[in-house]
């Protein structure tokens, strides 16, 4: 496959400027697919994370990574009843931030965005 070969070449390519480094982060919900395609060899580290199913874990991710207030993060964490991946959680937080007025995430807007993505 031409696309796969191009991706592998670009992942292994040295940055053009001497003395500079390049960090490439790849995320997936299907790690076995990356193994089947041989893409895992192009990365130096493989980090697996479990789905978040504890309201305290969800609130902590929202507080630290999405910069929500503690009370808003706890309210959202308690409202999420099914396990959710960090990537999905942060994507919904960004959607809610875009949809809220004043830059702060509104809990109701967050829950609407969460419903929009299928939770």
Foldseek 3Di string as FASTA:
>chain_A
DVVLVVVLCVLQDADPDPPDHDDDDDDDPCVVVCVVSVNVVSDDDDDDDDFDQALVVQLVLCCPVVVADSVLSSVLSVVDHDTHHSVVSVVLSVVQLVVDPPSHGDSVSSVVSVVVVPD
